[in-house]
Structure formats: structure tokens, C-alpha cells
Amino acid sequence: MIKNSFISFIPQEEKRGNKGSIEFQVTSFTNKVQKLTAHLKLHKKDFLSERGLQKTLGKRKRLLAYLSKKDRVRYKNLIAELHIRER
């Protein structure tokens, strides 16, 4: 089995900080999405992981929709930082 190198987007000071913030949650969902995507490239028939990926993407999408309604500036900054395309 090949191990993929993975770089986390979460800075160290933020890991110790507010884990309930929307930015932290979206960032951790983005990391999880990247890990699952790399896994699914190797294991194409792993349908349970694919379902987990879809659920994680849905959660991230809902959080981003909430953030875009509440604070558009924070939303734009987060999208730019994580290199996620805008809806």
C-alpha cells in the first residue's frame, strides 16, 4: 500500500485555539476530503468511503453556506485560503 504525503491546512496555533469556529471546522473537513480523495484514487471500489466523502462534502457545503450568509468577508477569506471554488 502506498502512503500519500499529506499537508494539513490548519496552523498550529489554531489547532490549540477555538475548535468550534466555522473556519476550523471547514478546514478540518477540507483536510478529511483530501485524505478521502487520495484514498479513493487507490481504492476505486470502496463505496463506503465514497459515501463518507459525500457526507463530509455536504457538511462542509452547509457550513460554507451558513458562513456566506452571516459574514461574507470571512467566507471570501476562507475560500481564498483553502483554494475552494465558490458556489
Foldseek 3Di string as FASTA:
>chain_A
DDDDDADQLDDPVVVPPDCPDLLNLLSVLLSVLVVLVVVCVVVVPPVVSVVVNVVSVVVSVVSLVVCCVVPVVVSVVSCVSSVPDDD
